[in-house]
Protein backbone atom coordinates (compact mmCIF):
# COMPACT_ATOMS: atom_id res chain seq x y z
CA MET A 1 120.75 113.84 53.35
CA LYS A 2 117.42 114.28 51.55
CA GLN A 3 117.47 117.99 52.42
CA ILE A 4 120.92 118.46 50.90
CA LEU A 5 119.90 116.60 47.75
CA PHE A 6 116.70 118.67 47.55
CA LEU A 7 118.65 121.95 47.88
CA PHE A 8 121.13 120.75 45.28
CA VAL A 9 118.39 119.94 42.74
CA ILE A 10 116.49 123.19 43.40
CA SER A 11 119.68 125.23 42.96
CA LEU A 12 120.34 123.55 39.62
CA PHE A 13 116.90 124.43 38.26
CA SER A 14 117.08 128.02 39.44
CA LEU A 15 120.60 128.46 38.05
CA ASP A 16 119.60 126.98 34.71
CA THR A 17 116.71 129.44 34.44
CA PHE A 18 119.00 132.34 35.38
CA ALA A 19 121.67 131.26 32.91
CA GLN A 20 119.15 131.07 30.09
CA SER A 21 117.81 134.52 30.92
CA THR A 22 121.29 136.10 30.80
CA ASN A 23 122.22 134.14 27.65
CA GLN A 24 125.57 133.23 29.19
CA LYS A 25 126.31 129.97 30.93
CA LEU A 26 127.50 130.30 34.52
CA ILE A 27 129.45 127.05 34.16
CA PHE A 28 131.04 126.37 30.81
CA GLU A 29 133.60 124.14 29.18
CA ILE A 30 136.55 126.10 27.85
CA GLY A 31 136.80 125.68 24.09
CA LYS A 32 133.08 125.15 23.44
CA ASP A 33 132.06 128.81 22.96
CA GLU A 34 135.17 130.90 22.44
CA GLN A 35 133.37 134.19 21.75
CA ASN A 36 131.45 133.97 25.02
CA TYR A 37 134.68 133.05 26.84
CA ARG A 38 136.52 136.03 25.32
CA ASN A 39 133.69 138.36 26.34
CA ILE A 40 133.79 137.11 29.92
CA CYS A 41 137.59 137.43 30.08
CA GLU A 42 137.43 141.02 28.83
CA ALA A 43 134.85 141.88 31.50
CA TYR A 44 137.17 140.59 34.29
CA PRO A 45 140.50 142.32 33.56
CA GLU A 46 142.16 141.90 36.97
CA THR A 47 143.80 138.65 38.02
CA LEU A 48 143.98 137.14 41.48
CA LEU A 49 147.73 137.78 41.46
CA THR A 50 147.41 141.48 40.63
CA TRP A 51 144.69 141.89 43.27
CA LYS A 52 147.15 140.39 45.78
CA LYS A 53 149.77 142.91 44.58
CA ASP A 54 151.91 140.25 42.87
CA ASP A 55 152.39 138.36 46.15
CA TYR A 56 152.72 134.77 44.99
CA THR A 57 152.52 133.37 48.50
CA GLN A 58 149.24 135.12 49.35
CA THR A 59 147.80 134.19 45.96
CA ALA A 60 148.74 130.53 46.34
CA LEU A 61 147.42 130.32 49.90
CA LEU A 62 144.09 131.85 48.91
CA TRP A 63 143.84 129.51 45.89
CA PHE A 64 144.61 126.44 48.02
CA ASP A 65 141.94 127.57 50.50
CA PHE A 66 139.53 127.83 47.57
CA LEU A 67 140.37 124.30 46.35
CA LYS A 68 140.05 122.96 49.89
CA SER A 69 136.58 124.53 50.09
CA MET A 70 135.70 122.66 46.87
CA GLU A 71 136.80 119.40 48.45
CA THR A 72 134.92 120.12 51.67
CA TYR A 73 131.75 120.92 49.74
CA ALA A 74 132.15 117.82 47.56
CA ASP A 75 132.49 115.67 50.68
CA SER A 76 129.39 117.27 52.22
CA ILE A 77 127.23 116.28 49.22
CA GLN A 78 129.05 112.98 48.64
CA PHE A 79 130.49 114.00 45.28
CA ASN A 80 133.78 112.26 44.50
CA LEU A 81 136.46 114.65 43.19
CA ASN A 82 139.36 112.23 43.71
CA GLY A 83 141.34 111.70 40.51
CA ILE A 84 139.82 114.74 38.78
CA LYS A 85 142.30 117.05 37.04
CA LEU A 86 141.00 120.30 35.59
CA TRP A 87 142.08 123.57 34.17
CA LEU A 88 139.88 126.11 35.92
CA HIS A 89 139.13 129.74 35.13
CA ILE A 90 137.15 131.33 37.97
CA PHE A 91 135.55 134.78 37.64
CA TRP A 92 134.62 136.66 40.82
CA ASN A 93 132.47 139.80 41.02
CA GLU A 94 133.29 142.87 43.12
CA GLN A 95 131.53 141.41 46.17
CA GLY A 96 133.55 138.18 45.99
CA GLY A 97 130.81 135.97 44.56
CA ILE A 98 131.52 133.60 41.70
CA ASP A 99 129.94 134.78 38.45
CA TYR A 100 131.42 132.15 36.12
CA ILE A 101 133.49 129.00 36.19
CA GLY A 102 135.18 127.83 33.03
CA TYR A 103 136.81 124.42 33.03
CA TYR A 104 138.56 121.94 30.82
CA VAL A 105 139.03 118.33 31.89
CA HIS A 106 142.71 117.39 31.71
CA PRO A 107 143.44 114.41 29.43
CA GLU A 108 145.02 112.53 32.36
CA SER A 109 141.96 113.04 34.58
CA ARG A 110 139.71 110.33 35.86
CA GLN A 111 136.66 110.14 33.60
CA ILE A 112 133.70 112.15 34.83
CA ASP A 113 130.28 112.85 33.41
CA LYS A 114 130.35 116.53 32.39
CA THR A 115 126.69 117.01 33.30
CA GLU A 116 127.50 115.92 36.85
CA LEU A 117 130.61 118.11 36.93
CA ASN A 118 128.57 121.10 35.70
CA ALA A 119 125.97 120.46 38.39
CA PHE A 120 128.64 120.21 41.09
CA LEU A 121 130.41 123.41 40.00
CA SER A 122 127.09 125.23 39.73
CA SER A 123 125.96 124.29 43.22
CA PHE A 124 129.44 124.90 44.66
CA SER A 125 129.53 128.40 43.18
CA ARG A 126 126.25 129.35 44.85
CA LEU A 127 125.96 127.26 48.02
CA ALA A 128 129.39 126.41 49.39
CA ILE A 129 131.32 128.33 52.02
CA LYS A 130 134.39 129.73 50.28
CA PRO A 131 137.34 132.00 51.16
CA ASP A 132 136.73 135.75 50.97
CA PHE A 133 137.38 137.14 47.49
CA LYS A 134 135.69 140.50 48.11
CA SER A 135 138.00 142.88 46.27
CA GLY A 136 135.87 145.68 44.86
CA LEU A 137 137.13 144.47 41.47
CA LYS A 138 136.09 141.93 38.89
CA ILE A 139 138.89 139.38 39.13
CA SER A 140 139.73 136.02 37.60
CA HIS A 141 142.19 133.20 38.11
CA TYR A 142 143.22 130.59 35.55
CA THR A 143 145.20 127.55 36.65
CA SER A 144 145.07 123.80 37.02
CA ALA A 145 143.61 121.83 39.88
CA SER A 146 144.03 118.20 40.86
CA PHE A 147 142.06 116.36 43.49
CA PRO A 148 142.75 115.45 46.17
CA THR A 149 144.73 118.64 46.76
CA PHE A 150 146.55 117.59 49.91
CA ALA A 151 146.20 121.24 50.93
CA GLY A 152 146.40 121.06 54.68
CA LYS A 153 145.54 123.59 57.33
CA ARG A 154 147.92 126.51 57.68
């Protein structure tokens, strides 16, 4: 447990340094810096749905796998996502890595400290095992998420 906590803290410091050097936050709250958000959106013109050739089923299954990986990671570091409701905007690079996560806490969500949420999303984006989003394109997906997801195994 101490090793996981140590890795979590180290990743936060290294990500903070990187974010400051690029002058863009890797994790950001939607509505706080609209110009930055617009710039990021323009740099990621393809959506998850268009990458999946407008196949709603494949898009939904991949998204549910992604949310399930968030829950699995949260459980592994003992971070409680239950009752959290978010609007999420995820931005993946050509290799499938997460470049940015924008979020907005839904008004009906359980209260959560945004510093803790930022830390969780930051470590999740860099350390967690996630579904394969390697597309050769910069893609994004904007939708809501509620936890627990009840997304079972296929």
